Amino acid sequence: TEPDRHAGTMSALFDFKSFLVTLLLFICTCTYVKMKAPRLVDPYRTGLRGMFWKAARIGERLSPWVAASCLVMAFHTFFGA
């Protein structure tokens, strides 16, 4: 039988590790953008721009935990299985 070509490829939404990395990068990016250009991230927006503000708020308020999570994920990505 022919091997399945797409067996090893998964979307970042379906692989838990990739989902966590994507979520952490999204939070960190939104927080950075809010610090550099606060007008781009408006707390009174709804939809996608409102989601950017919420992610930036998480990054601001939980910054030690987000930083620790980034370090753990980086260590796991470089040295993990």
PDB file of N, CA and C in Angstrom:
ATOM      1  N   THR A   1       0.833  -1.193   0.000  1.00  0.00           N
ATOM      2  CA  THR A   1       0.000   0.000   0.000  1.00  0.00           C
ATOM      3  C   THR A   1       0.870   1.247   0.000  1.00  0.00           C
ATOM      4  N   GLU A   2       0.287   2.314  -0.494  1.00  0.00           N
ATOM      5  CA  GLU A   2       1.010   3.593  -0.559  1.00  0.00           C
ATOM      6  C   GLU A   2       0.924   4.315   0.780  1.00  0.00           C
ATOM      7  N   PRO A   3       2.048   4.840   1.291  1.00  0.00           N
ATOM      8  CA  PRO A   3       2.002   5.558   2.570  1.00  0.00           C
ATOM      9  C   PRO A   3       1.207   6.862   2.438  1.00  0.00           C
ATOM     10  N   ASP A   4       0.556   7.231   3.505  1.00  0.00           N
ATOM     11  CA  ASP A   4      -0.232   8.456   3.519  1.00  0.00           C
ATOM     12  C   ASP A   4       0.711   9.657   3.588  1.00  0.00           C
ATOM     13  N   ARG A   5       0.627  10.539   2.614  1.00  0.00           N
ATOM     14  CA  ARG A   5       1.534  11.685   2.547  1.00  0.00           C
ATOM     15  C   ARG A   5       1.245  12.729   3.614  1.00  0.00           C
ATOM     16  N   HIS A   6       0.018  12.815   4.075  1.00  0.00           N
ATOM     17  CA  HIS A   6      -0.382  13.851   5.020  1.00  0.00           C
ATOM     18  C   HIS A   6      -0.499  13.335   6.452  1.00  0.00           C
ATOM     19  N   ALA A   7       0.047  12.174   6.730  1.00  0.00           N
ATOM     20  CA  ALA A   7      -0.091  11.589   8.065  1.00  0.00           C
ATOM     21  C   ALA A   7       0.650  12.393   9.125  1.00  0.00           C
ATOM     22  N   GLY A   8       1.773  13.006   8.809  1.00  0.00           N
ATOM     23  CA  GLY A   8       2.565  13.728   9.789  1.00  0.00           C
ATOM     24  C   GLY A   8       2.266  15.212   9.874  1.00  0.00           C
ATOM     25  N   THR A   9       1.400  15.717   9.001  1.00  0.00           N
ATOM     26  CA  THR A   9       1.121  17.155   9.000  1.00  0.00           C
ATOM     27  C   THR A   9      -0.192  17.421   9.718  1.00  0.00           C
ATOM     28  N   MET A  10      -0.131  18.343  10.673  1.00  0.00           N
ATOM     29  CA  MET A  10      -1.337  18.736  11.400  1.00  0.00           C
ATOM     30  C   MET A  10      -1.367  20.253  11.469  1.00  0.00           C
ATOM     31  N   SER A  11      -2.548  20.780  11.564  1.00  0.00           N
ATOM     32  CA  SER A  11      -2.690  22.211  11.761  1.00  0.00           C
ATOM     33  C   SER A  11      -2.293  22.572  13.184  1.00  0.00           C
ATOM     34  N   ALA A  12      -1.906  23.823  13.409  1.00  0.00           N
ATOM     35  CA  ALA A  12      -1.536  24.266  14.756  1.00  0.00           C
ATOM     36  C   ALA A  12      -2.732  24.223  15.694  1.00  0.00           C
ATOM     37  N   LEU A  13      -3.925  24.198  15.163  1.00  0.00           N
ATOM     38  CA  LEU A  13      -5.108  24.151  16.015  1.00  0.00           C
ATOM     39  C   LEU A  13      -5.417  22.750  16.512  1.00  0.00           C
ATOM     40  N   PHE A  14      -4.890  21.728  15.841  1.00  0.00           N
ATOM     41  CA  PHE A  14      -5.206  20.367  16.231  1.00  0.00           C
ATOM     42  C   PHE A  14      -4.085  19.680  16.997  1.00  0.00           C
ATOM     43  N   ASP A  15      -2.896  20.205  16.933  1.00  0.00           N
ATOM     44  CA  ASP A  15      -1.770  19.685  17.691  1.00  0.00           C
ATOM     45  C   ASP A  15      -1.618  20.568  18.933  1.00  0.00           C
ATOM     46  N   PHE A  16      -1.718  19.987  20.127  1.00  0.00           N
ATOM     47  CA  PHE A  16      -1.784  20.780  21.359  1.00  0.00           C
ATOM     48  C   PHE A  16      -0.522  21.604  21.584  1.00  0.00           C
ATOM     49  N   LYS A  17       0.645  21.018  21.326  1.00  0.00           N
ATOM     50  CA  LYS A  17       1.895  21.753  21.525  1.00  0.00           C
ATOM     51  C   LYS A  17       1.973  22.946  20.577  1.00  0.00           C
ATOM     52  N   SER A  18       1.630  22.750  19.328  1.00  0.00           N
ATOM     53  CA  SER A  18       1.659  23.840  18.359  1.00  0.00           C
ATOM     54  C   SER A  18       0.618  24.903  18.693  1.00  0.00           C
ATOM     55  N   PHE A  19      -0.518  24.479  19.205  1.00  0.00           N
ATOM     56  CA  PHE A  19      -1.547  25.429  19.623  1.00  0.00           C
ATOM     57  C   PHE A  19      -1.043  26.311  20.762  1.00  0.00           C
ATOM     58  N   LEU A  20      -0.358  25.710  21.737  1.00  0.00           N
ATOM     59  CA  LEU A  20       0.179  26.493  22.844  1.00  0.00           C
ATOM     60  C   LEU A  20       1.246  27.478  22.379  1.00  0.00           C
ATOM     61  N   VAL A  21       2.113  27.045  21.489  1.00  0.00           N
ATOM     62  CA  VAL A  21       3.143  27.932  20.955  1.00  0.00           C
ATOM     63  C   VAL A  21       2.493  29.088  20.194  1.00  0.00           C
ATOM     64  N   THR A  22       1.500  28.792  19.376  1.00  0.00           N
ATOM     65  CA  THR A  22       0.798  29.827  18.619  1.00  0.00           C
ATOM     66  C   THR A  22       0.099  30.801  19.558  1.00  0.00           C
ATOM     67  N   LEU A  23      -0.532  30.296  20.597  1.00  0.00           N
ATOM     68  CA  LEU A  23      -1.228  31.156  21.557  1.00  0.00           C
ATOM     69  C   LEU A  23      -0.248  32.054  22.308  1.00  0.00           C
ATOM     70  N   LEU A  24       0.870  31.500  22.744  1.00  0.00           N
ATOM     71  CA  LEU A  24       1.876  32.308  23.440  1.00  0.00           C
ATOM     72  C   LEU A  24       2.470  33.380  22.528  1.00  0.00           C
ATOM     73  N   LEU A  25       2.751  33.032  21.289  1.00  0.00           N
ATOM     74  CA  LEU A  25       3.271  34.021  20.346  1.00  0.00           C
ATOM     75  C   LEU A  25       2.251  35.115  20.069  1.00  0.00           C
ATOM     76  N   PHE A  26       0.981  34.751  19.993  1.00  0.00           N
ATOM     77  CA  PHE A  26      -0.083  35.734  19.770  1.00  0.00           C
ATOM     78  C   PHE A  26      -0.180  36.700  20.952  1.00  0.00           C
ATOM     79  N   ILE A  27      -0.139  36.172  22.163  1.00  0.00           N
ATOM     80  CA  ILE A  27      -0.209  37.016  23.361  1.00  0.00           C
ATOM     81  C   ILE A  27       1.004  37.938  23.432  1.00  0.00           C
ATOM     82  N   CYS A  28       2.185  37.406  23.208  1.00  0.00           N
ATOM     83  CA  CYS A  28       3.403  38.217  23.269  1.00  0.00           C
ATOM     84  C   CYS A  28       3.415  39.290  22.185  1.00  0.00           C
ATOM     85  N   THR A  29       2.977  38.947  20.981  1.00  0.00           N
ATOM     86  CA  THR A  29       2.953  39.906  19.889  1.00  0.00           C
ATOM     87  C   THR A  29       1.958  41.027  20.163  1.00  0.00           C
ATOM     88  N   CYS A  30       0.774  40.686  20.643  1.00  0.00           N
ATOM     89  CA  CYS A  30      -0.229  41.709  20.951  1.00  0.00           C
ATOM     90  C   CYS A  30       0.246  42.633  22.061  1.00  0.00           C
ATOM     91  N   THR A  31       0.905  42.088  23.065  1.00  0.00           N
ATOM     92  CA  THR A  31       1.426  42.906  24.154  1.00  0.00           C
ATOM     93  C   THR A  31       2.516  43.838  23.646  1.00  0.00           C
ATOM     94  N   TYR A  32       3.396  43.346  22.795  1.00  0.00           N
ATOM     95  CA  TYR A  32       4.465  44.172  22.234  1.00  0.00           C
ATOM     96  C   TYR A  32       3.887  45.306  21.384  1.00  0.00           C
ATOM     97  N   VAL A  33       2.916  44.984  20.545  1.00  0.00           N
ATOM     98  CA  VAL A  33       2.308  46.003  19.693  1.00  0.00           C
ATOM     99  C   VAL A  33       1.606  47.050  20.549  1.00  0.00           C
ATOM    100  N   LYS A  34       0.950  46.629  21.621  1.00  0.00           N
ATOM    101  CA  LYS A  34       0.270  47.586  22.487  1.00  0.00           C
ATOM    102  C   LYS A  34       1.265  48.513  23.180  1.00  0.00           C
ATOM    103  N   MET A  35       2.433  48.009  23.534  1.00  0.00           N
ATOM    104  CA  MET A  35       3.445  48.856  24.159  1.00  0.00           C
ATOM    105  C   MET A  35       4.052  49.845  23.158  1.00  0.00           C
ATOM    106  N   LYS A  36       4.246  49.421  21.921  1.00  0.00           N
ATOM    107  CA  LYS A  36       4.877  50.274  20.910  1.00  0.00           C
ATOM    108  C   LYS A  36       3.894  51.234  20.237  1.00  0.00           C
ATOM    109  N   ALA A  37       2.683  50.762  19.972  1.00  0.00           N
ATOM    110  CA  ALA A  37       1.675  51.590  19.279  1.00  0.00           C
ATOM    111  C   ALA A  37       0.315  51.359  19.932  1.00  0.00           C
ATOM    112  N   PRO A  38       0.052  52.024  21.053  1.00  0.00           N
ATOM    113  CA  PRO A  38      -1.191  51.758  21.789  1.00  0.00           C
ATOM    114  C   PRO A  38      -2.464  52.095  21.028  1.00  0.00           C
ATOM    115  N   ARG A  39      -2.370  52.967  20.033  1.00  0.00           N
ATOM    116  CA  ARG A  39      -3.577  53.316  19.266  1.00  0.00           C
ATOM    117  C   ARG A  39      -4.086  52.161  18.419  1.00  0.00           C
ATOM    118  N   LEU A  40      -3.212  51.216  18.086  1.00  0.00           N
ATOM    119  CA  LEU A  40      -3.626  50.085  17.257  1.00  0.00           C
ATOM    120  C   LEU A  40      -4.470  49.074  18.025  1.00  0.00           C
ATOM    121  N   VAL A  41      -4.316  49.044  19.335  1.00  0.00           N
ATOM    122  CA  VAL A  41      -5.032  48.067  20.165  1.00  0.00           C
ATOM    123  C   VAL A  41      -6.001  48.842  21.049  1.00  0.00           C
ATOM    124  N   ASP A  42      -7.254  48.897  20.621  1.00  0.00           N
ATOM    125  CA  ASP A  42      -8.267  49.713  21.283  1.00  0.00           C
ATOM    126  C   ASP A  42      -9.162  48.829  22.155  1.00  0.00           C
ATOM    127  N   PRO A  43      -9.334  49.175  23.452  1.00  0.00           N
ATOM    128  CA  PRO A  43     -10.157  48.336  24.328  1.00  0.00           C
ATOM    129  C   PRO A  43     -11.652  48.390  24.009  1.00  0.00           C
ATOM    130  N   TYR A  44     -12.082  49.352  23.227  1.00  0.00           N
ATOM    131  CA  TYR A  44     -13.515  49.499  22.947  1.00  0.00           C
ATOM    132  C   TYR A  44     -13.928  48.876  21.629  1.00  0.00           C
ATOM    133  N   ARG A  45     -13.032  48.182  20.995  1.00  0.00           N
ATOM    134  CA  ARG A  45     -13.346  47.499  19.736  1.00  0.00           C
ATOM    135  C   ARG A  45     -13.979  46.142  20.019  1.00  0.00           C
ATOM    136  N   THR A  46     -14.694  45.662  19.037  1.00  0.00           N
ATOM    137  CA  THR A  46     -15.252  44.309  19.114  1.00  0.00           C
ATOM    138  C   THR A  46     -14.656  43.490  17.967  1.00  0.00           C
ATOM    139  N   GLY A  47     -14.857  42.221  18.030  1.00  0.00           N
ATOM    140  CA  GLY A  47     -14.367  41.350  16.970  1.00  0.00           C
ATOM    141  C   GLY A  47     -12.881  41.082  17.086  1.00  0.00           C
ATOM    142  N   LEU A  48     -12.208  41.073  15.955  1.00  0.00           N
ATOM    143  CA  LEU A  48     -10.795  40.711  15.913  1.00  0.00           C
ATOM    144  C   LEU A  48      -9.926  41.720  16.656  1.00  0.00           C
ATOM    145  N   ARG A  49     -10.171  43.009  16.478  1.00  0.00           N
ATOM    146  CA  ARG A  49      -9.349  44.015  17.175  1.00  0.00           C
ATOM    147  C   ARG A  49      -9.600  43.983  18.678  1.00  0.00           C
ATOM    148  N   GLY A  50     -10.802  43.621  19.092  1.00  0.00           N
ATOM    149  CA  GLY A  50     -11.073  43.442  20.518  1.00  0.00           C
ATOM    150  C   GLY A  50     -10.326  42.248  21.082  1.00  0.00           C
ATOM    151  N   MET A  51     -10.175  41.222  20.269  1.00  0.00           N
ATOM    152  CA  MET A  51      -9.424  40.042  20.692  1.00  0.00           C
ATOM    153  C   MET A  51      -7.940  40.385  20.853  1.00  0.00           C
ATOM    154  N   PHE A  52      -7.418  41.268  20.005  1.00  0.00           N
ATOM    155  CA  PHE A  52      -6.041  41.726  20.162  1.00  0.00           C
ATOM    156  C   PHE A  52      -5.857  42.427  21.500  1.00  0.00           C
ATOM    157  N   TRP A  53      -6.826  43.261  21.880  1.00  0.00           N
ATOM    158  CA  TRP A  53      -6.732  43.976  23.149  1.00  0.00           C
ATOM    159  C   TRP A  53      -6.774  43.003  24.330  1.00  0.00           C
ATOM    160  N   LYS A  54      -7.652  42.009  24.246  1.00  0.00           N
ATOM    161  CA  LYS A  54      -7.742  41.028  25.331  1.00  0.00           C
ATOM    162  C   LYS A  54      -6.445  40.235  25.473  1.00  0.00           C
ATOM    163  N   ALA A  55      -5.842  39.858  24.362  1.00  0.00           N
ATOM    164  CA  ALA A  55      -4.567  39.134  24.420  1.00  0.00           C
ATOM    165  C   ALA A  55      -3.467  40.024  24.989  1.00  0.00           C
ATOM    166  N   ALA A  56      -3.475  41.312  24.620  1.00  0.00           N
ATOM    167  CA  ALA A  56      -2.483  42.236  25.162  1.00  0.00           C
ATOM    168  C   ALA A  56      -2.690  42.429  26.663  1.00  0.00           C
ATOM    169  N   ARG A  57      -3.909  42.453  27.105  1.00  0.00           N
ATOM    170  CA  ARG A  57      -4.204  42.603  28.533  1.00  0.00           C
ATOM    171  C   ARG A  57      -3.721  41.377  29.310  1.00  0.00           C
ATOM    172  N   ILE A  58      -3.915  40.193  28.744  1.00  0.00           N
ATOM    173  CA  ILE A  58      -3.405  38.976  29.375  1.00  0.00           C
ATOM    174  C   ILE A  58      -1.888  39.045  29.483  1.00  0.00           C
ATOM    175  N   GLY A  59      -1.233  39.501  28.415  1.00  0.00           N
ATOM    176  CA  GLY A  59       0.221  39.616  28.426  1.00  0.00           C
ATOM    177  C   GLY A  59       0.728  40.624  29.440  1.00  0.00           C
ATOM    178  N   GLU A  60      -0.033  41.706  29.661  1.00  0.00           N
ATOM    179  CA  GLU A  60       0.366  42.711  30.643  1.00  0.00           C
ATOM    180  C   GLU A  60       0.178  42.218  32.071  1.00  0.00           C
ATOM    181  N   ARG A  61      -0.961  41.683  32.340  1.00  0.00           N
ATOM    182  CA  ARG A  61      -1.290  41.306  33.720  1.00  0.00           C
ATOM    183  C   ARG A  61      -0.627  40.023  34.169  1.00  0.00           C
ATOM    184  N   LEU A  62      -0.426  39.117  33.262  1.00  0.00           N
ATOM    185  CA  LEU A  62       0.176  37.823  33.620  1.00  0.00           C
ATOM    186  C   LEU A  62       1.572  37.684  33.024  1.00  0.00           C
ATOM    187  N   SER A  63       2.287  38.793  32.894  1.00  0.00           N
ATOM    188  CA  SER A  63       3.568  38.757  32.199  1.00  0.00           C
ATOM    189  C   SER A  63       4.584  37.781  32.809  1.00  0.00           C
ATOM    190  N   PRO A  64       4.691  37.642  34.151  1.00  0.00           N
ATOM    191  CA  PRO A  64       5.644  36.639  34.655  1.00  0.00           C
ATOM    192  C   PRO A  64       5.260  35.214  34.246  1.00  0.00           C
ATOM    193  N   TRP A  65       3.967  34.925  34.246  1.00  0.00           N
ATOM    194  CA  TRP A  65       3.509  33.584  33.865  1.00  0.00           C
ATOM    195  C   TRP A  65       3.663  33.350  32.362  1.00  0.00           C
ATOM    196  N   VAL A  66       3.390  34.366  31.576  1.00  0.00           N
ATOM    197  CA  VAL A  66       3.564  34.244  30.128  1.00  0.00           C
ATOM    198  C   VAL A  66       5.043  34.055  29.800  1.00  0.00           C
ATOM    199  N   ALA A  67       5.907  34.817  30.453  1.00  0.00           N
ATOM    200  CA  ALA A  67       7.350  34.680  30.221  1.00  0.00           C
ATOM    201  C   ALA A  67       7.843  33.291  30.627  1.00  0.00           C
ATOM    202  N   ALA A  68       7.375  32.804  31.762  1.00  0.00           N
ATOM    203  CA  ALA A  68       7.772  31.462  32.201  1.00  0.00           C
ATOM    204  C   ALA A  68       7.267  30.404  31.220  1.00  0.00           C
ATOM    205  N   SER A  69       6.051  30.584  30.723  1.00  0.00           N
ATOM    206  CA  SER A  69       5.501  29.640  29.744  1.00  0.00           C
ATOM    207  C   SER A  69       6.308  29.661  28.451  1.00  0.00           C
ATOM    208  N   CYS A  70       6.731  30.856  28.040  1.00  0.00           N
ATOM    209  CA  CYS A  70       7.568  30.958  26.834  1.00  0.00           C
ATOM    210  C   CYS A  70       8.904  30.244  27.028  1.00  0.00           C
ATOM    211  N   LEU A  71       9.495  30.411  28.194  1.00  0.00           N
ATOM    212  CA  LEU A  71      10.761  29.725  28.463  1.00  0.00           C
ATOM    213  C   LEU A  71      10.591  28.210  28.484  1.00  0.00           C
ATOM    214  N   VAL A  72       9.521  27.734  29.105  1.00  0.00           N
ATOM    215  CA  VAL A  72       9.262  26.290  29.148  1.00  0.00           C
ATOM    216  C   VAL A  72       9.028  25.748  27.742  1.00  0.00           C
ATOM    217  N   MET A  73       8.237  26.471  26.941  1.00  0.00           N
ATOM    218  CA  MET A  73       7.966  25.997  25.582  1.00  0.00           C
ATOM    219  C   MET A  73       9.232  26.042  24.723  1.00  0.00           C
ATOM    220  N   ALA A  74      10.070  27.060  24.918  1.00  0.00           N
ATOM    221  CA  ALA A  74      11.316  27.126  24.159  1.00  0.00           C
ATOM    222  C   ALA A  74      12.235  25.971  24.536  1.00  0.00           C
ATOM    223  N   PHE A  75      12.352  25.690  25.828  1.00  0.00           N
ATOM    224  CA  PHE A  75      13.175  24.565  26.287  1.00  0.00           C
ATOM    225  C   PHE A  75      12.634  23.257  25.725  1.00  0.00           C
ATOM    226  N   HIS A  76      11.322  23.084  25.777  1.00  0.00           N
ATOM    227  CA  HIS A  76      10.711  21.847  25.273  1.00  0.00           C
ATOM    228  C   HIS A  76      10.881  21.730  23.758  1.00  0.00           C
ATOM    229  N   THR A  77      10.797  22.859  23.050  1.00  0.00           N
ATOM    230  CA  THR A  77      10.951  22.823  21.591  1.00  0.00           C
ATOM    231  C   THR A  77      12.387  22.471  21.207  1.00  0.00           C
ATOM    232  N   PHE A  78      13.367  23.053  21.905  1.00  0.00           N
ATOM    233  CA  PHE A  78      14.759  22.789  21.550  1.00  0.00           C
ATOM    234  C   PHE A  78      15.273  21.447  22.046  1.00  0.00           C
ATOM    235  N   PHE A  79      14.870  21.048  23.250  1.00  0.00           N
ATOM    236  CA  PHE A  79      15.448  19.850  23.861  1.00  0.00           C
ATOM    237  C   PHE A  79      14.460  18.709  24.051  1.00  0.00           C
ATOM    238  N   GLY A  80      13.196  18.923  23.799  1.00  0.00           N
ATOM    239  CA  GLY A  80      12.178  17.903  24.002  1.00  0.00           C
ATOM    240  C   GLY A  80      12.067  16.950  22.833  1.00  0.00           C
ATOM    241  N   ALA A  81      11.125  16.077  22.976  1.00  0.00           N
ATOM    242  CA  ALA A  81      10.930  15.061  21.935  1.00  0.00           C
ATOM    243  C   ALA A  81      10.165  15.585  20.759  1.00  0.00           C
TER     244      ALA A  81
END
